[in-house]
């Protein structure tokens, strides 16, 4: 009977060997922790569709930031839910808006924690769409001014990075111009460059209270069937001045992450979105899978696909696991 001289199983025999030859290494430094800021004091409201995720008043969000720092997480991504919404999402760019206040408080208490702010209007508009409406449709060019004002207000509040997620054409250039013209030429832009019109966003819309009141977002978010288009989107954002580019969602778009990694040499982020998190949570709560193991397997897969950084609701749990 023939036995091969080269046996791949030799290097799998124990954990020390497996560690020695491991190709992909997930680290705490790869993680970005998304948080939802809401008005009030001592508010910690559970998101029903995302077990373990909360809407947090600024004081509670600061405590969460301190916990993130304690386990070594380098960055937060902040979303805001305002007290009131209107047609043009004025709460997004108000100097005393909820994200602006959250940024100021976090930076005053945890100055060395990187604060990234989501730049979009969907949480702030009464209709729930990502831009201003004309004739019942999202008007691309009219929205750019409001996005630039939002990014500038975040910069003035002390944000370290702004992250436009709206998918309007030309928004990176509009934001870059606004930042540069107002003394923030050093502030990086993390562009949601390839953001798909995905069914995986459902739980997020509960958390951010951003479900559209009519229609959907397929006119501006990408068709899930397209990957060549993702590279065109990323290339345009880079040309407009993006410093970091992102693919969202992550798990169903690992091929797009890999294509982006092979094509571009900018830092690449991937957003492991609410639906990905909720699926694992729901299955784990029913005893159908091993949650810690699946959490690490999914995050490792995203890193293996080519992501340099991963936005994940599992950031604290993953950091603790990596630190142990």
C-alpha atoms as a PDB file:
ATOM      1  CA  UNK A   1       0.000   0.000   0.000  1.00  0.00           C
ATOM      2  CA  UNK A   2       1.323   3.420  -0.962  1.00  0.00           C
ATOM      3  CA  UNK A   3       1.603   6.189   1.651  1.00  0.00           C
ATOM      4  CA  UNK A   4       2.605   9.726   0.640  1.00  0.00           C
ATOM      5  CA  UNK A   5       5.951  11.024   1.863  1.00  0.00           C
ATOM      6  CA  UNK A   6       4.472  14.503   2.281  1.00  0.00           C
ATOM      7  CA  UNK A   7       1.593  14.320   4.747  1.00  0.00           C
ATOM      8  CA  UNK A   8      -0.284  17.553   5.353  1.00  0.00           C
ATOM      9  CA  UNK A   9      -1.681  16.229   8.611  1.00  0.00           C
ATOM     10  CA  UNK A  10       1.773  16.293  10.202  1.00  0.00           C
ATOM     11  CA  UNK A  11       1.466  20.035  10.846  1.00  0.00           C
ATOM     12  CA  UNK A  12      -2.055  19.740  12.282  1.00  0.00           C
ATOM     13  CA  UNK A  13      -1.275  17.346  15.125  1.00  0.00           C
ATOM     14  CA  UNK A  14      -1.506  19.816  17.993  1.00  0.00           C
ATOM     15  CA  UNK A  15      -2.403  23.437  18.664  1.00  0.00           C
ATOM     16  CA  UNK A  16       1.199  24.622  18.926  1.00  0.00           C
ATOM     17  CA  UNK A  17       2.016  23.287  15.453  1.00  0.00           C
ATOM     18  CA  UNK A  18      -1.189  24.750  14.058  1.00  0.00           C
ATOM     19  CA  UNK A  19      -0.284  28.136  15.547  1.00  0.00           C
ATOM     20  CA  UNK A  20       3.200  27.958  14.071  1.00  0.00           C
ATOM     21  CA  UNK A  21       1.996  27.452  10.481  1.00  0.00           C
ATOM     22  CA  UNK A  22      -1.190  29.515  10.644  1.00  0.00           C
ATOM     23  CA  UNK A  23      -1.599  31.655   7.504  1.00  0.00           C
ATOM     24  CA  UNK A  24      -4.217  34.172   8.648  1.00  0.00           C
ATOM     25  CA  UNK A  25      -3.929  35.911  12.006  1.00  0.00           C
ATOM     26  CA  UNK A  26      -6.846  37.818  13.413  1.00  0.00           C
ATOM     27  CA  UNK A  27      -5.855  40.465  15.950  1.00  0.00           C
ATOM     28  CA  UNK A  28      -7.622  42.858  18.301  1.00  0.00           C
ATOM     29  CA  UNK A  29      -6.088  45.676  16.261  1.00  0.00           C
ATOM     30  CA  UNK A  30      -8.274  44.580  13.328  1.00  0.00           C
ATOM     31  CA  UNK A  31     -11.552  45.317  15.121  1.00  0.00           C
ATOM     32  CA  UNK A  32     -13.887  48.318  14.954  1.00  0.00           C
ATOM     33  CA  UNK A  33     -16.845  48.420  17.361  1.00  0.00           C
ATOM     34  CA  UNK A  34     -20.123  49.996  16.134  1.00  0.00           C
ATOM     35  CA  UNK A  35     -22.295  51.828  18.707  1.00  0.00           C
ATOM     36  CA  UNK A  36     -25.676  53.596  18.604  1.00  0.00           C
ATOM     37  CA  UNK A  37     -26.081  56.926  20.419  1.00  0.00           C
ATOM     38  CA  UNK A  38     -29.502  58.189  21.555  1.00  0.00           C
ATOM     39  CA  UNK A  39     -30.694  61.200  23.565  1.00  0.00           C
ATOM     40  CA  UNK A  40     -31.196  60.996  27.328  1.00  0.00           C
ATOM     41  CA  UNK A  41     -29.297  59.917  30.404  1.00  0.00           C
ATOM     42  CA  UNK A  42     -28.710  56.374  31.682  1.00  0.00           C
ATOM     43  CA  UNK A  43     -30.415  54.945  28.593  1.00  0.00           C
ATOM     44  CA  UNK A  44     -29.454  51.407  27.651  1.00  0.00           C
ATOM     45  CA  UNK A  45     -32.252  50.098  25.444  1.00  0.00           C
ATOM     46  CA  UNK A  46     -31.836  46.560  24.058  1.00  0.00           C
ATOM     47  CA  UNK A  47     -32.240  46.109  20.312  1.00  0.00           C
ATOM     48  CA  UNK A  48     -34.697  43.181  20.100  1.00  0.00           C
ATOM     49  CA  UNK A  49     -33.298  41.760  16.862  1.00  0.00           C
ATOM     50  CA  UNK A  50     -29.655  42.053  17.989  1.00  0.00           C
ATOM     51  CA  UNK A  51     -29.121  40.297  21.297  1.00  0.00           C
ATOM     52  CA  UNK A  52     -26.404  42.062  23.279  1.00  0.00           C
ATOM     53  CA  UNK A  53     -26.602  45.320  21.295  1.00  0.00           C
ATOM     54  CA  UNK A  54     -28.079  48.486  22.815  1.00  0.00           C
ATOM     55  CA  UNK A  55     -29.107  52.013  22.006  1.00  0.00           C
ATOM     56  CA  UNK A  56     -26.990  54.056  24.407  1.00  0.00           C
ATOM     57  CA  UNK A  57     -27.255  57.539  25.837  1.00  0.00           C
ATOM     58  CA  UNK A  58     -23.977  59.428  25.656  1.00  0.00           C
ATOM     59  CA  UNK A  59     -23.027  58.650  29.275  1.00  0.00           C
ATOM     60  CA  UNK A  60     -23.605  54.939  28.697  1.00  0.00           C
ATOM     61  CA  UNK A  61     -21.785  55.068  25.380  1.00  0.00           C
ATOM     62  CA  UNK A  62     -18.738  56.539  27.121  1.00  0.00           C
ATOM     63  CA  UNK A  63     -18.743  53.572  29.511  1.00  0.00           C
ATOM     64  CA  UNK A  64     -18.903  51.225  26.531  1.00  0.00           C
ATOM     65  CA  UNK A  65     -15.974  53.084  24.987  1.00  0.00           C
ATOM     66  CA  UNK A  66     -13.974  52.627  28.183  1.00  0.00           C
ATOM     67  CA  UNK A  67     -14.702  48.893  28.114  1.00  0.00           C
ATOM     68  CA  UNK A  68     -13.637  48.735  24.467  1.00  0.00           C
ATOM     69  CA  UNK A  69     -10.363  50.442  25.277  1.00  0.00           C
ATOM     70  CA  UNK A  70      -9.781  48.115  28.225  1.00  0.00           C
ATOM     71  CA  UNK A  71      -9.828  45.060  25.945  1.00  0.00           C
ATOM     72  CA  UNK A  72      -7.624  46.764  23.349  1.00  0.00           C
ATOM     73  CA  UNK A  73     -10.147  47.661  20.642  1.00  0.00           C
ATOM     74  CA  UNK A  74      -8.619  50.557  18.706  1.00  0.00           C
ATOM     75  CA  UNK A  75     -11.698  52.185  17.157  1.00  0.00           C
ATOM     76  CA  UNK A  76     -15.420  52.868  17.442  1.00  0.00           C
ATOM     77  CA  UNK A  77     -17.926  53.563  14.670  1.00  0.00           C
ATOM     78  CA  UNK A  78     -20.714  55.867  15.879  1.00  0.00           C
ATOM     79  CA  UNK A  79     -24.305  56.047  14.656  1.00  0.00           C
ATOM     80  CA  UNK A  80     -26.910  58.452  16.019  1.00  0.00           C
ATOM     81  CA  UNK A  81     -30.668  58.524  16.539  1.00  0.00           C
ATOM     82  CA  UNK A  82     -31.869  62.124  16.985  1.00  0.00           C
ATOM     83  CA  UNK A  83     -34.685  63.447  19.151  1.00  0.00           C
ATOM     84  CA  UNK A  84     -36.608  64.607  16.080  1.00  0.00           C
ATOM     85  CA  UNK A  85     -36.427  63.935  12.351  1.00  0.00           C
ATOM     86  CA  UNK A  86     -37.281  66.147   9.377  1.00  0.00           C
ATOM     87  CA  UNK A  87     -37.274  66.080   5.582  1.00  0.00           C
ATOM     88  CA  UNK A  88     -33.649  67.183   5.239  1.00  0.00           C
ATOM     89  CA  UNK A  89     -32.133  65.340   8.210  1.00  0.00           C
ATOM     90  CA  UNK A  90     -31.001  68.505   9.980  1.00  0.00           C
ATOM     91  CA  UNK A  91     -30.077  66.547  13.118  1.00  0.00           C
ATOM     92  CA  UNK A  92     -27.217  64.967  11.167  1.00  0.00           C
ATOM     93  CA  UNK A  93     -25.288  68.225  10.855  1.00  0.00           C
ATOM     94  CA  UNK A  94     -26.498  70.142  13.924  1.00  0.00           C
ATOM     95  CA  UNK A  95     -23.490  71.292  16.016  1.00  0.00           C
ATOM     96  CA  UNK A  96     -25.171  69.858  19.118  1.00  0.00           C
ATOM     97  CA  UNK A  97     -26.463  66.719  17.391  1.00  0.00           C
ATOM     98  CA  UNK A  98     -26.384  63.366  19.095  1.00  0.00           C
ATOM     99  CA  UNK A  99     -23.273  62.065  17.291  1.00  0.00           C
ATOM    100  CA  UNK A 100     -21.487  65.374  17.763  1.00  0.00           C
ATOM    101  CA  UNK A 101     -22.120  65.227  21.518  1.00  0.00           C
ATOM    102  CA  UNK A 102     -21.068  61.584  21.654  1.00  0.00           C
ATOM    103  CA  UNK A 103     -17.824  62.326  19.833  1.00  0.00           C
ATOM    104  CA  UNK A 104     -16.983  65.184  22.205  1.00  0.00           C
ATOM    105  CA  UNK A 105     -17.637  63.111  25.299  1.00  0.00           C
ATOM    106  CA  UNK A 106     -15.762  60.037  24.116  1.00  0.00           C
ATOM    107  CA  UNK A 107     -12.749  62.056  23.028  1.00  0.00           C
ATOM    108  CA  UNK A 108     -12.702  63.917  26.344  1.00  0.00           C
ATOM    109  CA  UNK A 109     -12.733  60.655  28.324  1.00  0.00           C
ATOM    110  CA  UNK A 110     -10.901  58.219  26.039  1.00  0.00           C
ATOM    111  CA  UNK A 111      -8.740  60.449  23.886  1.00  0.00           C
ATOM    112  CA  UNK A 112      -6.578  57.695  22.407  1.00  0.00           C
ATOM    113  CA  UNK A 113      -9.552  55.651  21.149  1.00  0.00           C
ATOM    114  CA  UNK A 114     -10.155  56.289  17.457  1.00  0.00           C
ATOM    115  CA  UNK A 115     -13.661  57.639  16.813  1.00  0.00           C
ATOM    116  CA  UNK A 116     -15.112  57.067  13.342  1.00  0.00           C
ATOM    117  CA  UNK A 117     -18.471  58.650  12.518  1.00  0.00           C
ATOM    118  CA  UNK A 118     -21.018  57.334  10.058  1.00  0.00           C
ATOM    119  CA  UNK A 119     -22.027  60.070   7.611  1.00  0.00           C
ATOM    120  CA  UNK A 120     -25.510  59.540   6.209  1.00  0.00           C
ATOM    121  CA  UNK A 121     -28.965  61.085   6.507  1.00  0.00           C
ATOM    122  CA  UNK A 122     -31.123  57.969   6.838  1.00  0.00           C
ATOM    123  CA  UNK A 123     -31.276  58.002  10.659  1.00  0.00           C
ATOM    124  CA  UNK A 124     -32.200  61.696  10.622  1.00  0.00           C
ATOM    125  CA  UNK A 125     -34.769  62.042   7.827  1.00  0.00           C
ATOM    126  CA  UNK A 126     -38.480  61.674   8.480  1.00  0.00           C
ATOM    127  CA  UNK A 127     -38.785  59.511   5.351  1.00  0.00           C
ATOM    128  CA  UNK A 128     -35.826  57.264   6.233  1.00  0.00           C
ATOM    129  CA  UNK A 129     -33.945  57.670   2.968  1.00  0.00           C
ATOM    130  CA  UNK A 130     -30.224  58.427   2.658  1.00  0.00           C
ATOM    131  CA  UNK A 131     -30.679  61.806   1.009  1.00  0.00           C
ATOM    132  CA  UNK A 132     -33.079  64.640   0.293  1.00  0.00           C
ATOM    133  CA  UNK A 133     -36.093  63.871  -1.858  1.00  0.00           C
ATOM    134  CA  UNK A 134     -37.315  65.491  -5.040  1.00  0.00           C
ATOM    135  CA  UNK A 135     -40.429  64.071  -6.620  1.00  0.00           C
ATOM    136  CA  UNK A 136     -40.350  61.111  -4.269  1.00  0.00           C
ATOM    137  CA  UNK A 137     -36.828  60.088  -5.307  1.00  0.00           C
ATOM    138  CA  UNK A 138     -33.471  60.574  -3.621  1.00  0.00           C
ATOM    139  CA  UNK A 139     -31.796  63.486  -5.410  1.00  0.00           C
ATOM    140  CA  UNK A 140     -28.087  62.725  -5.652  1.00  0.00           C
ATOM    141  CA  UNK A 141     -26.509  66.141  -6.212  1.00  0.00           C
ATOM    142  CA  UNK A 142     -28.750  68.023  -3.802  1.00  0.00           C
ATOM    143  CA  UNK A 143     -27.781  65.537  -1.086  1.00  0.00           C
ATOM    144  CA  UNK A 144     -24.029  66.154  -1.402  1.00  0.00           C
ATOM    145  CA  UNK A 145     -24.161  69.518   0.366  1.00  0.00           C
ATOM    146  CA  UNK A 146     -25.906  67.987   3.382  1.00  0.00           C
ATOM    147  CA  UNK A 147     -23.433  65.108   3.558  1.00  0.00           C
ATOM    148  CA  UNK A 148     -20.501  67.524   3.419  1.00  0.00           C
ATOM    149  CA  UNK A 149     -22.067  69.622   6.193  1.00  0.00           C
ATOM    150  CA  UNK A 150     -22.528  66.497   8.293  1.00  0.00           C
ATOM    151  CA  UNK A 151     -18.926  65.361   7.860  1.00  0.00           C
ATOM    152  CA  UNK A 152     -17.669  68.862   8.662  1.00  0.00           C
ATOM    153  CA  UNK A 153     -19.766  69.014  11.841  1.00  0.00           C
ATOM    154  CA  UNK A 154     -18.294  65.677  12.933  1.00  0.00           C
ATOM    155  CA  UNK A 155     -14.794  66.940  12.256  1.00  0.00           C
ATOM    156  CA  UNK A 156     -15.428  70.056  14.322  1.00  0.00           C
ATOM    157  CA  UNK A 157     -16.722  67.860  17.168  1.00  0.00           C
ATOM    158  CA  UNK A 158     -13.437  65.951  17.190  1.00  0.00           C
ATOM    159  CA  UNK A 159     -14.013  62.874  15.024  1.00  0.00           C
ATOM    160  CA  UNK A 160     -10.843  61.085  13.949  1.00  0.00           C
ATOM    161  CA  UNK A 161     -12.300  59.624  10.732  1.00  0.00           C
ATOM    162  CA  UNK A 162     -15.534  60.281   8.805  1.00  0.00           C
ATOM    163  CA  UNK A 163     -17.253  57.416   6.999  1.00  0.00           C
ATOM    164  CA  UNK A 164     -19.848  58.281   4.329  1.00  0.00           C
ATOM    165  CA  UNK A 165     -22.278  55.386   3.916  1.00  0.00           C
ATOM    166  CA  UNK A 166     -24.983  56.940   1.715  1.00  0.00           C
ATOM    167  CA  UNK A 167     -23.697  55.746  -1.708  1.00  0.00           C
ATOM    168  CA  UNK A 168     -24.413  59.030  -3.476  1.00  0.00           C
ATOM    169  CA  UNK A 169     -22.191  59.556  -6.506  1.00  0.00           C
ATOM    170  CA  UNK A 170     -19.520  62.150  -5.805  1.00  0.00           C
ATOM    171  CA  UNK A 171     -19.946  62.327  -2.057  1.00  0.00           C
ATOM    172  CA  UNK A 172     -16.324  61.522  -1.214  1.00  0.00           C
ATOM    173  CA  UNK A 173     -15.136  64.444  -3.339  1.00  0.00           C
ATOM    174  CA  UNK A 174     -17.718  66.791  -1.800  1.00  0.00           C
ATOM    175  CA  UNK A 175     -16.685  65.783   1.719  1.00  0.00           C
ATOM    176  CA  UNK A 176     -12.971  65.993   0.909  1.00  0.00           C
ATOM    177  CA  UNK A 177     -13.408  69.516  -0.463  1.00  0.00           C
ATOM    178  CA  UNK A 178     -15.411  70.638   2.572  1.00  0.00           C
ATOM    179  CA  UNK A 179     -12.863  69.230   5.003  1.00  0.00           C
ATOM    180  CA  UNK A 180      -9.880  70.656   3.132  1.00  0.00           C
ATOM    181  CA  UNK A 181     -11.431  74.111   2.803  1.00  0.00           C
ATOM    182  CA  UNK A 182     -12.142  74.282   6.536  1.00  0.00           C
ATOM    183  CA  UNK A 183      -8.813  73.246   7.998  1.00  0.00           C
ATOM    184  CA  UNK A 184      -9.334  69.469   8.195  1.00  0.00           C
ATOM    185  CA  UNK A 185      -7.085  68.353   5.341  1.00  0.00           C
ATOM    186  CA  UNK A 186      -5.497  65.729   7.644  1.00  0.00           C
ATOM    187  CA  UNK A 187      -8.802  64.043   8.524  1.00  0.00           C
ATOM    188  CA  UNK A 188      -9.164  60.643   6.788  1.00  0.00           C
ATOM    189  CA  UNK A 189     -12.256  59.454   4.938  1.00  0.00           C
ATOM    190  CA  UNK A 190     -13.343  55.829   5.248  1.00  0.00           C
ATOM    191  CA  UNK A 191     -15.694  55.354   2.305  1.00  0.00           C
ATOM    192  CA  UNK A 192     -18.424  52.753   2.239  1.00  0.00           C
ATOM    193  CA  UNK A 193     -17.261  52.208  -1.330  1.00  0.00           C
ATOM    194  CA  UNK A 194     -19.038  48.972  -2.260  1.00  0.00           C
ATOM    195  CA  UNK A 195     -22.229  48.955  -0.219  1.00  0.00           C
ATOM    196  CA  UNK A 196     -24.804  46.483  -1.444  1.00  0.00           C
ATOM    197  CA  UNK A 197     -28.602  46.679  -1.290  1.00  0.00           C
ATOM    198  CA  UNK A 198     -28.685  43.770   1.119  1.00  0.00           C
ATOM    199  CA  UNK A 199     -31.345  41.970   3.091  1.00  0.00           C
ATOM    200  CA  UNK A 200     -28.782  41.589   5.890  1.00  0.00           C
ATOM    201  CA  UNK A 201     -29.434  45.143   7.145  1.00  0.00           C
ATOM    202  CA  UNK A 202     -32.808  44.454   8.748  1.00  0.00           C
ATOM    203  CA  UNK A 203     -31.719  44.361  12.420  1.00  0.00           C
ATOM    204  CA  UNK A 204     -29.589  47.503  11.945  1.00  0.00           C
ATOM    205  CA  UNK A 205     -32.656  49.407  10.829  1.00  0.00           C
ATOM    206  CA  UNK A 206     -34.303  48.463  14.112  1.00  0.00           C
ATOM    207  CA  UNK A 207     -31.265  49.703  16.020  1.00  0.00           C
ATOM    208  CA  UNK A 208     -30.885  52.938  14.048  1.00  0.00           C
ATOM    209  CA  UNK A 209     -34.615  53.496  13.474  1.00  0.00           C
ATOM    210  CA  UNK A 210     -33.840  54.099   9.813  1.00  0.00           C
ATOM    211  CA  UNK A 211     -36.310  51.935   7.882  1.00  0.00           C
ATOM    212  CA  UNK A 212     -37.513  53.816   4.767  1.00  0.00           C
ATOM    213  CA  UNK A 213     -41.118  54.961   5.039  1.00  0.00           C
ATOM    214  CA  UNK A 214     -41.660  53.966   1.405  1.00  0.00           C
ATOM    215  CA  UNK A 215     -39.693  52.241  -1.334  1.00  0.00           C
ATOM    216  CA  UNK A 216     -36.204  50.902  -0.809  1.00  0.00           C
ATOM    217  CA  UNK A 217     -32.546  51.845  -1.381  1.00  0.00           C
ATOM    218  CA  UNK A 218     -31.855  49.896  -4.552  1.00  0.00           C
ATOM    219  CA  UNK A 219     -31.570  53.093  -6.593  1.00  0.00           C
ATOM    220  CA  UNK A 220     -28.281  53.941  -4.880  1.00  0.00           C
ATOM    221  CA  UNK A 221     -26.984  50.835  -3.103  1.00  0.00           C
ATOM    222  CA  UNK A 222     -25.379  48.160  -5.272  1.00  0.00           C
ATOM    223  CA  UNK A 223     -27.085  45.172  -6.885  1.00  0.00           C
ATOM    224  CA  UNK A 224     -25.935  42.007  -5.048  1.00  0.00           C
ATOM    225  CA  UNK A 225     -25.318  40.321  -8.410  1.00  0.00           C
ATOM    226  CA  UNK A 226     -22.499  42.706  -9.384  1.00  0.00           C
ATOM    227  CA  UNK A 227     -18.813  42.535  -8.507  1.00  0.00           C
ATOM    228  CA  UNK A 228     -17.119  44.291 -11.445  1.00  0.00           C
ATOM    229  CA  UNK A 229     -19.196  47.327 -10.520  1.00  0.00           C
ATOM    230  CA  UNK A 230     -17.821  47.172  -6.974  1.00  0.00           C
ATOM    231  CA  UNK A 231     -14.318  47.703  -8.328  1.00  0.00           C
ATOM    232  CA  UNK A 232     -15.530  50.710 -10.323  1.00  0.00           C
ATOM    233  CA  UNK A 233     -17.160  52.146  -7.187  1.00  0.00           C
ATOM    234  CA  UNK A 234     -13.992  51.640  -5.147  1.00  0.00           C
ATOM    235  CA  UNK A 235     -11.783  53.138  -7.861  1.00  0.00           C
ATOM    236  CA  UNK A 236     -13.950  56.263  -8.081  1.00  0.00           C
ATOM    237  CA  UNK A 237     -13.898  56.740  -4.305  1.00  0.00           C
ATOM    238  CA  UNK A 238     -10.113  56.451  -4.293  1.00  0.00           C
ATOM    239  CA  UNK A 239      -9.861  59.007  -7.099  1.00  0.00           C
ATOM    240  CA  UNK A 240     -12.121  61.347  -5.103  1.00  0.00           C
ATOM    241  CA  UNK A 241      -9.886  61.154  -2.045  1.00  0.00           C
ATOM    242  CA  UNK A 242     -10.899  58.160   0.088  1.00  0.00           C
ATOM    243  CA  UNK A 243      -8.175  56.999   2.475  1.00  0.00           C
ATOM    244  CA  UNK A 244      -9.831  53.699   3.467  1.00  0.00           C
ATOM    245  CA  UNK A 245     -12.395  51.803   1.398  1.00  0.00           C
ATOM    246  CA  UNK A 246     -15.027  49.398   2.630  1.00  0.00           C
ATOM    247  CA  UNK A 247     -17.082  46.455   1.409  1.00  0.00           C
ATOM    248  CA  UNK A 248     -20.469  45.962   3.097  1.00  0.00           C
ATOM    249  CA  UNK A 249     -21.835  43.398   3.974  1.00  0.00           C
ATOM    250  CA  UNK A 250     -18.914  41.055   4.554  1.00  0.00           C
ATOM    251  CA  UNK A 251     -19.939  37.416   4.829  1.00  0.00           C
ATOM    252  CA  UNK A 252     -21.946  37.111   1.594  1.00  0.00           C
ATOM    253  CA  UNK A 253     -19.400  39.253  -0.271  1.00  0.00           C
ATOM    254  CA  UNK A 254     -16.080  37.617   0.587  1.00  0.00           C
ATOM    255  CA  UNK A 255     -15.336  37.355  -3.130  1.00  0.00           C
ATOM    256  CA  UNK A 256     -15.719  41.130  -3.477  1.00  0.00           C
ATOM    257  CA  UNK A 257     -13.382  41.694  -0.527  1.00  0.00           C
ATOM    258  CA  UNK A 258     -10.790  39.468  -2.182  1.00  0.00           C
ATOM    259  CA  UNK A 259     -11.140  41.194  -5.538  1.00  0.00           C
ATOM    260  CA  UNK A 260     -10.769  44.588  -3.850  1.00  0.00           C
ATOM    261  CA  UNK A 261      -7.683  43.376  -1.963  1.00  0.00           C
ATOM    262  CA  UNK A 262      -6.026  42.153  -5.173  1.00  0.00           C
ATOM    263  CA  UNK A 263      -6.908  45.286  -7.164  1.00  0.00           C
ATOM    264  CA  UNK A 264      -6.187  48.111  -4.712  1.00  0.00           C
ATOM    265  CA  UNK A 265      -3.453  48.837  -2.182  1.00  0.00           C
ATOM    266  CA  UNK A 266      -5.446  51.126   0.126  1.00  0.00           C
ATOM    267  CA  UNK A 267      -6.467  49.931   3.593  1.00  0.00           C
ATOM    268  CA  UNK A 268      -9.582  47.790   3.196  1.00  0.00           C
ATOM    269  CA  UNK A 269     -12.416  47.548   5.706  1.00  0.00           C
ATOM    270  CA  UNK A 270     -15.283  45.069   5.780  1.00  0.00           C
ATOM    271  CA  UNK A 271     -18.516  45.507   7.728  1.00  0.00           C
ATOM    272  CA  UNK A 272     -19.860  42.321   9.269  1.00  0.00           C
ATOM    273  CA  UNK A 273     -23.399  43.624   9.415  1.00  0.00           C
ATOM    274  CA  UNK A 274     -26.328  43.237  11.758  1.00  0.00           C
ATOM    275  CA  UNK A 275     -27.938  40.331   9.931  1.00  0.00           C
ATOM    276  CA  UNK A 276     -24.734  38.312  10.069  1.00  0.00           C
ATOM    277  CA  UNK A 277     -24.487  38.942  13.797  1.00  0.00           C
ATOM    278  CA  UNK A 278     -28.190  38.239  14.417  1.00  0.00           C
ATOM    279  CA  UNK A 279     -28.107  34.917  12.572  1.00  0.00           C
ATOM    280  CA  UNK A 280     -25.259  33.619  14.700  1.00  0.00           C
ATOM    281  CA  UNK A 281     -26.885  34.902  17.892  1.00  0.00           C
ATOM    282  CA  UNK A 282     -30.260  33.354  17.080  1.00  0.00           C
ATOM    283  CA  UNK A 283     -28.769  29.971  16.195  1.00  0.00           C
ATOM    284  CA  UNK A 284     -26.565  29.995  19.300  1.00  0.00           C
ATOM    285  CA  UNK A 285     -29.477  30.847  21.572  1.00  0.00           C
ATOM    286  CA  UNK A 286     -31.261  27.771  20.217  1.00  0.00           C
ATOM    287  CA  UNK A 287     -28.222  25.603  20.842  1.00  0.00           C
ATOM    288  CA  UNK A 288     -27.672  24.946  17.157  1.00  0.00           C
ATOM    289  CA  UNK A 289     -24.050  26.053  17.012  1.00  0.00           C
ATOM    290  CA  UNK A 290     -21.067  26.986  19.154  1.00  0.00           C
ATOM    291  CA  UNK A 291     -21.231  30.810  19.223  1.00  0.00           C
ATOM    292  CA  UNK A 292     -17.613  31.610  20.228  1.00  0.00           C
ATOM    293  CA  UNK A 293     -16.242  29.191  17.652  1.00  0.00           C
ATOM    294  CA  UNK A 294     -18.468  30.460  14.841  1.00  0.00           C
ATOM    295  CA  UNK A 295     -17.760  34.093  15.778  1.00  0.00           C
ATOM    296  CA  UNK A 296     -14.019  33.548  15.377  1.00  0.00           C
ATOM    297  CA  UNK A 297     -14.430  31.433  12.255  1.00  0.00           C
ATOM    298  CA  UNK A 298     -16.465  34.134  10.514  1.00  0.00           C
ATOM    299  CA  UNK A 299     -14.113  36.962  11.526  1.00  0.00           C
ATOM    300  CA  UNK A 300     -11.107  34.914  10.428  1.00  0.00           C
ATOM    301  CA  UNK A 301     -12.787  34.246   7.070  1.00  0.00           C
ATOM    302  CA  UNK A 302     -13.282  37.986   6.531  1.00  0.00           C
ATOM    303  CA  UNK A 303      -9.627  38.637   7.386  1.00  0.00           C
ATOM    304  CA  UNK A 304      -8.538  35.731   5.174  1.00  0.00           C
ATOM    305  CA  UNK A 305     -10.518  37.189   2.278  1.00  0.00           C
ATOM    306  CA  UNK A 306      -8.349  40.297   2.492  1.00  0.00           C
ATOM    307  CA  UNK A 307      -9.866  42.788   4.941  1.00  0.00           C
ATOM    308  CA  UNK A 308      -7.414  44.846   6.980  1.00  0.00           C
ATOM    309  CA  UNK A 309     -10.070  45.901   9.484  1.00  0.00           C
ATOM    310  CA  UNK A 310     -13.461  44.468  10.441  1.00  0.00           C
ATOM    311  CA  UNK A 311     -16.442  46.353  11.778  1.00  0.00           C
ATOM    312  CA  UNK A 312     -18.285  43.885  13.990  1.00  0.00           C
ATOM    313  CA  UNK A 313     -20.827  43.854  16.806  1.00  0.00           C
ATOM    314  CA  UNK A 314     -18.775  40.999  18.216  1.00  0.00           C
ATOM    315  CA  UNK A 315     -15.758  43.292  18.722  1.00  0.00           C
ATOM    316  CA  UNK A 316     -15.684  43.077  22.539  1.00  0.00           C
ATOM    317  CA  UNK A 317     -16.294  39.315  22.628  1.00  0.00           C
ATOM    318  CA  UNK A 318     -13.704  38.718  19.926  1.00  0.00           C
ATOM    319  CA  UNK A 319     -11.166  40.949  21.675  1.00  0.00           C
ATOM    320  CA  UNK A 320     -11.603  39.020  24.926  1.00  0.00           C
ATOM    321  CA  UNK A 321     -11.165  35.732  23.073  1.00  0.00           C
ATOM    322  CA  UNK A 322      -8.031  36.977  21.322  1.00  0.00           C
ATOM    323  CA  UNK A 323      -6.616  38.289  24.585  1.00  0.00           C
ATOM    324  CA  UNK A 324      -7.149  35.035  26.477  1.00  0.00           C
END
